[in-house]
Amino acid sequence: MFGIGMPELIVILVIILLIFGAAKLPEIGKALGKAIKEFKRAGKEDDTKSK
């Protein structure tokens, strides 16, 4: 996964937790999930238009 191992991932998550705080993490996760879902949907629409 992009050359990132488990220790690096844990450090990144701890830094994010310190910056945003525990209360904001669910909101950030929800927004990120929506963005990924929209990105995938747009990619599928693009595939169907090109065929």
PDB file of N, CA and C in Angstrom:
ATOM      1  N   MET A   1       0.857  -1.188   0.000  1.00  0.00           N
ATOM      2  CA  MET A   1       0.000   0.000   0.000  1.00  0.00           C
ATOM      3  C   MET A   1       0.887   1.229   0.000  1.00  0.00           C
ATOM      4  N   PHE A   2       1.389   1.626  -1.122  1.00  0.00           N
ATOM      5  CA  PHE A   2       2.200   2.822  -1.300  1.00  0.00           C
ATOM      6  C   PHE A   2       3.474   2.791  -0.465  1.00  0.00           C
ATOM      7  N   GLY A   3       3.955   1.620  -0.098  1.00  0.00           N
ATOM      8  CA  GLY A   3       5.170   1.516   0.681  1.00  0.00           C
ATOM      9  C   GLY A   3       5.015   1.933   2.134  1.00  0.00           C
ATOM     10  N   ILE A   4       3.778   2.024   2.617  1.00  0.00           N
ATOM     11  CA  ILE A   4       3.531   2.425   3.999  1.00  0.00           C
ATOM     12  C   ILE A   4       3.252   1.170   4.812  1.00  0.00           C
ATOM     13  N   GLY A   5       4.072   0.967   5.833  1.00  0.00           N
ATOM     14  CA  GLY A   5       3.882  -0.190   6.700  1.00  0.00           C
ATOM     15  C   GLY A   5       2.983   0.149   7.872  1.00  0.00           C
ATOM     16  N   MET A   6       2.745  -0.834   8.705  1.00  0.00           N
ATOM     17  CA  MET A   6       1.875  -0.639   9.865  1.00  0.00           C
ATOM     18  C   MET A   6       2.412   0.417  10.837  1.00  0.00           C
ATOM     19  N   PRO A   7       3.709   0.441  11.158  1.00  0.00           N
ATOM     20  CA  PRO A   7       4.192   1.474  12.088  1.00  0.00           C
ATOM     21  C   PRO A   7       3.977   2.899  11.560  1.00  0.00           C
ATOM     22  N   GLU A   8       4.230   3.097  10.283  1.00  0.00           N
ATOM     23  CA  GLU A   8       4.034   4.426   9.703  1.00  0.00           C
ATOM     24  C   GLU A   8       2.559   4.818   9.725  1.00  0.00           C
ATOM     25  N   LEU A   9       1.699   3.861   9.432  1.00  0.00           N
ATOM     26  CA  LEU A   9       0.263   4.124   9.446  1.00  0.00           C
ATOM     27  C   LEU A   9      -0.220   4.505  10.842  1.00  0.00           C
ATOM     28  N   ILE A  10       0.297   3.834  11.849  1.00  0.00           N
ATOM     29  CA  ILE A  10      -0.084   4.153  13.231  1.00  0.00           C
ATOM     30  C   ILE A  10       0.376   5.558  13.602  1.00  0.00           C
ATOM     31  N   VAL A  11       1.583   5.929  13.207  1.00  0.00           N
ATOM     32  CA  VAL A  11       2.086   7.276  13.490  1.00  0.00           C
ATOM     33  C   VAL A  11       1.212   8.322  12.817  1.00  0.00           C
ATOM     34  N   ILE A  12       0.831   8.095  11.574  1.00  0.00           N
ATOM     35  CA  ILE A  12      -0.027   9.032  10.854  1.00  0.00           C
ATOM     36  C   ILE A  12      -1.373   9.166  11.548  1.00  0.00           C
ATOM     37  N   LEU A  13      -1.957   8.058  11.965  1.00  0.00           N
ATOM     38  CA  LEU A  13      -3.251   8.103  12.644  1.00  0.00           C
ATOM     39  C   LEU A  13      -3.168   8.837  13.980  1.00  0.00           C
ATOM     40  N   VAL A  14      -2.081   8.658  14.718  1.00  0.00           N
ATOM     41  CA  VAL A  14      -1.901   9.369  15.991  1.00  0.00           C
ATOM     42  C   VAL A  14      -1.767  10.868  15.747  1.00  0.00           C
ATOM     43  N   ILE A  15      -1.040  11.250  14.732  1.00  0.00           N
ATOM     44  CA  ILE A  15      -0.896  12.673  14.407  1.00  0.00           C
ATOM     45  C   ILE A  15      -2.241  13.277  14.031  1.00  0.00           C
ATOM     46  N   ILE A  16      -3.021  12.561  13.232  1.00  0.00           N
ATOM     47  CA  ILE A  16      -4.353  13.044  12.860  1.00  0.00           C
ATOM     48  C   ILE A  16      -5.227  13.182  14.100  1.00  0.00           C
ATOM     49  N   LEU A  17      -5.146  12.228  14.991  1.00  0.00           N
ATOM     50  CA  LEU A  17      -5.917  12.287  16.232  1.00  0.00           C
ATOM     51  C   LEU A  17      -5.529  13.507  17.056  1.00  0.00           C
ATOM     52  N   LEU A  18      -4.247  13.802  17.144  1.00  0.00           N
ATOM     53  CA  LEU A  18      -3.785  14.961  17.905  1.00  0.00           C
ATOM     54  C   LEU A  18      -4.215  16.276  17.260  1.00  0.00           C
ATOM     55  N   ILE A  19      -4.205  16.322  15.938  1.00  0.00           N
ATOM     56  CA  ILE A  19      -4.560  17.565  15.243  1.00  0.00           C
ATOM     57  C   ILE A  19      -6.058  17.837  15.330  1.00  0.00           C
ATOM     58  N   PHE A  20      -6.868  16.851  15.028  1.00  0.00           N
ATOM     59  CA  PHE A  20      -8.307  17.073  14.928  1.00  0.00           C
ATOM     60  C   PHE A  20      -9.064  16.742  16.203  1.00  0.00           C
ATOM     61  N   GLY A  21      -8.542  15.893  17.028  1.00  0.00           N
ATOM     62  CA  GLY A  21      -9.235  15.486  18.240  1.00  0.00           C
ATOM     63  C   GLY A  21     -10.192  14.340  17.962  1.00  0.00           C
ATOM     64  N   ALA A  22     -10.548  13.643  19.034  1.00  0.00           N
ATOM     65  CA  ALA A  22     -11.384  12.453  18.891  1.00  0.00           C
ATOM     66  C   ALA A  22     -12.795  12.783  18.437  1.00  0.00           C
ATOM     67  N   ALA A  23     -13.296  13.951  18.770  1.00  0.00           N
ATOM     68  CA  ALA A  23     -14.676  14.313  18.423  1.00  0.00           C
ATOM     69  C   ALA A  23     -14.862  14.523  16.925  1.00  0.00           C
ATOM     70  N   LYS A  24     -13.834  14.978  16.238  1.00  0.00           N
ATOM     71  CA  LYS A  24     -13.940  15.271  14.806  1.00  0.00           C
ATOM     72  C   LYS A  24     -13.683  14.072  13.909  1.00  0.00           C
ATOM     73  N   LEU A  25     -13.085  13.016  14.441  1.00  0.00           N
ATOM     74  CA  LEU A  25     -12.718  11.872  13.602  1.00  0.00           C
ATOM     75  C   LEU A  25     -13.901  11.216  12.898  1.00  0.00           C
ATOM     76  N   PRO A  26     -15.052  11.016  13.556  1.00  0.00           N
ATOM     77  CA  PRO A  26     -16.176  10.429  12.819  1.00  0.00           C
ATOM     78  C   PRO A  26     -16.655  11.308  11.656  1.00  0.00           C
ATOM     79  N   GLU A  27     -16.627  12.618  11.842  1.00  0.00           N
ATOM     80  CA  GLU A  27     -17.021  13.524  10.757  1.00  0.00           C
ATOM     81  C   GLU A  27     -16.047  13.439   9.586  1.00  0.00           C
ATOM     82  N   ILE A  28     -14.772  13.370   9.908  1.00  0.00           N
ATOM     83  CA  ILE A  28     -13.747  13.276   8.859  1.00  0.00           C
ATOM     84  C   ILE A  28     -13.887  11.951   8.111  1.00  0.00           C
ATOM     85  N   GLY A  29     -14.115  10.871   8.844  1.00  0.00           N
ATOM     86  CA  GLY A  29     -14.296   9.565   8.212  1.00  0.00           C
ATOM     87  C   GLY A  29     -15.513   9.524   7.305  1.00  0.00           C
ATOM     88  N   LYS A  30     -16.600  10.136   7.771  1.00  0.00           N
ATOM     89  CA  LYS A  30     -17.831  10.174   6.981  1.00  0.00           C
ATOM     90  C   LYS A  30     -17.617  10.974   5.693  1.00  0.00           C
ATOM     91  N   ALA A  31     -16.958  12.114   5.801  1.00  0.00           N
ATOM     92  CA  ALA A  31     -16.699  12.942   4.621  1.00  0.00           C
ATOM     93  C   ALA A  31     -15.772  12.228   3.648  1.00  0.00           C
ATOM     94  N   LEU A  32     -14.767  11.535   4.181  1.00  0.00           N
ATOM     95  CA  LEU A  32     -13.841  10.800   3.324  1.00  0.00           C
ATOM     96  C   LEU A  32     -14.547   9.651   2.614  1.00  0.00           C
ATOM     97  N   GLY A  33     -15.424   8.960   3.335  1.00  0.00           N
ATOM     98  CA  GLY A  33     -16.198   7.878   2.725  1.00  0.00           C
ATOM     99  C   GLY A  33     -17.094   8.372   1.604  1.00  0.00           C
ATOM    100  N   LYS A  34     -17.753   9.499   1.833  1.00  0.00           N
ATOM    101  CA  LYS A  34     -18.608  10.080   0.786  1.00  0.00           C
ATOM    102  C   LYS A  34     -17.786  10.477  -0.437  1.00  0.00           C
ATOM    103  N   ALA A  35     -16.607  11.047  -0.197  1.00  0.00           N
ATOM    104  CA  ALA A  35     -15.752  11.462  -1.311  1.00  0.00           C
ATOM    105  C   ALA A  35     -15.296  10.262  -2.137  1.00  0.00           C
ATOM    106  N   ILE A  36     -14.908   9.189  -1.463  1.00  0.00           N
ATOM    107  CA  ILE A  36     -14.475   7.983  -2.181  1.00  0.00           C
ATOM    108  C   ILE A  36     -15.637   7.385  -2.964  1.00  0.00           C
ATOM    109  N   LYS A  37     -16.818   7.339  -2.351  1.00  0.00           N
ATOM    110  CA  LYS A  37     -18.003   6.796  -3.022  1.00  0.00           C
ATOM    111  C   LYS A  37     -18.340   7.623  -4.264  1.00  0.00           C
ATOM    112  N   GLU A  38     -18.285   8.932  -4.149  1.00  0.00           N
ATOM    113  CA  GLU A  38     -18.576   9.807  -5.289  1.00  0.00           C
ATOM    114  C   GLU A  38     -17.526   9.635  -6.385  1.00  0.00           C
ATOM    115  N   PHE A  39     -16.269   9.486  -5.990  1.00  0.00           N
ATOM    116  CA  PHE A  39     -15.199   9.293  -6.963  1.00  0.00           C
ATOM    117  C   PHE A  39     -15.407   8.002  -7.747  1.00  0.00           C
ATOM    118  N   LYS A  40     -15.757   6.923  -7.048  1.00  0.00           N
ATOM    119  CA  LYS A  40     -16.007   5.646  -7.712  1.00  0.00           C
ATOM    120  C   LYS A  40     -17.216   5.745  -8.649  1.00  0.00           C
ATOM    121  N   ARG A  41     -18.270   6.416  -8.195  1.00  0.00           N
ATOM    122  CA  ARG A  41     -19.474   6.564  -9.022  1.00  0.00           C
ATOM    123  C   ARG A  41     -19.161   7.355 -10.290  1.00  0.00           C
ATOM    124  N   ALA A  42     -18.373   8.413 -10.142  1.00  0.00           N
ATOM    125  CA  ALA A  42     -18.011   9.216 -11.311  1.00  0.00           C
ATOM    126  C   ALA A  42     -17.158   8.406 -12.278  1.00  0.00           C
ATOM    127  N   GLY A  43     -16.292   7.569 -11.759  1.00  0.00           N
ATOM    128  CA  GLY A  43     -15.468   6.725 -12.621  1.00  0.00           C
ATOM    129  C   GLY A  43     -16.299   5.717 -13.385  1.00  0.00           C
ATOM    130  N   LYS A  44     -17.304   5.151 -12.741  1.00  0.00           N
ATOM    131  CA  LYS A  44     -18.185   4.199 -13.420  1.00  0.00           C
ATOM    132  C   LYS A  44     -19.012   4.879 -14.491  1.00  0.00           C
ATOM    133  N   GLU A  45     -19.480   6.089 -14.220  1.00  0.00           N
ATOM    134  CA  GLU A  45     -20.243   6.838 -15.230  1.00  0.00           C
ATOM    135  C   GLU A  45     -19.371   7.151 -16.433  1.00  0.00           C
ATOM    136  N   ASP A  46     -18.114   7.497 -16.182  1.00  0.00           N
ATOM    137  CA  ASP A  46     -17.197   7.810 -17.265  1.00  0.00           C
ATOM    138  C   ASP A  46     -16.946   6.579 -18.128  1.00  0.00           C
ATOM    139  N   ASP A  47     -16.837   5.415 -17.498  1.00  0.00           N
ATOM    140  CA  ASP A  47     -16.618   4.177 -18.249  1.00  0.00           C
ATOM    141  C   ASP A  47     -17.797   3.858 -19.155  1.00  0.00           C
ATOM    142  N   THR A  48     -19.005   4.078 -18.672  1.00  0.00           N
ATOM    143  CA  THR A  48     -20.187   3.748 -19.466  1.00  0.00           C
ATOM    144  C   THR A  48     -20.361   4.741 -20.617  1.00  0.00           C
ATOM    145  N   LYS A  49     -19.934   5.978 -20.449  1.00  0.00           N
ATOM    146  CA  LYS A  49     -20.047   6.974 -21.512  1.00  0.00           C
ATOM    147  C   LYS A  49     -19.060   6.717 -22.628  1.00  0.00           C
ATOM    148  N   SER A  50     -17.899   6.177 -22.286  1.00  0.00           N
ATOM    149  CA  SER A  50     -16.863   5.979 -23.299  1.00  0.00           C
ATOM    150  C   SER A  50     -17.114   4.751 -24.170  1.00  0.00           C
ATOM    151  N   LYS A  51     -18.006   3.871 -23.745  1.00  0.00           N
ATOM    152  CA  LYS A  51     -18.262   2.642 -24.525  1.00  0.00           C
ATOM    153  C   LYS A  51     -19.306   2.852 -25.565  1.00  0.00           C
TER     154      LYS A  51
END
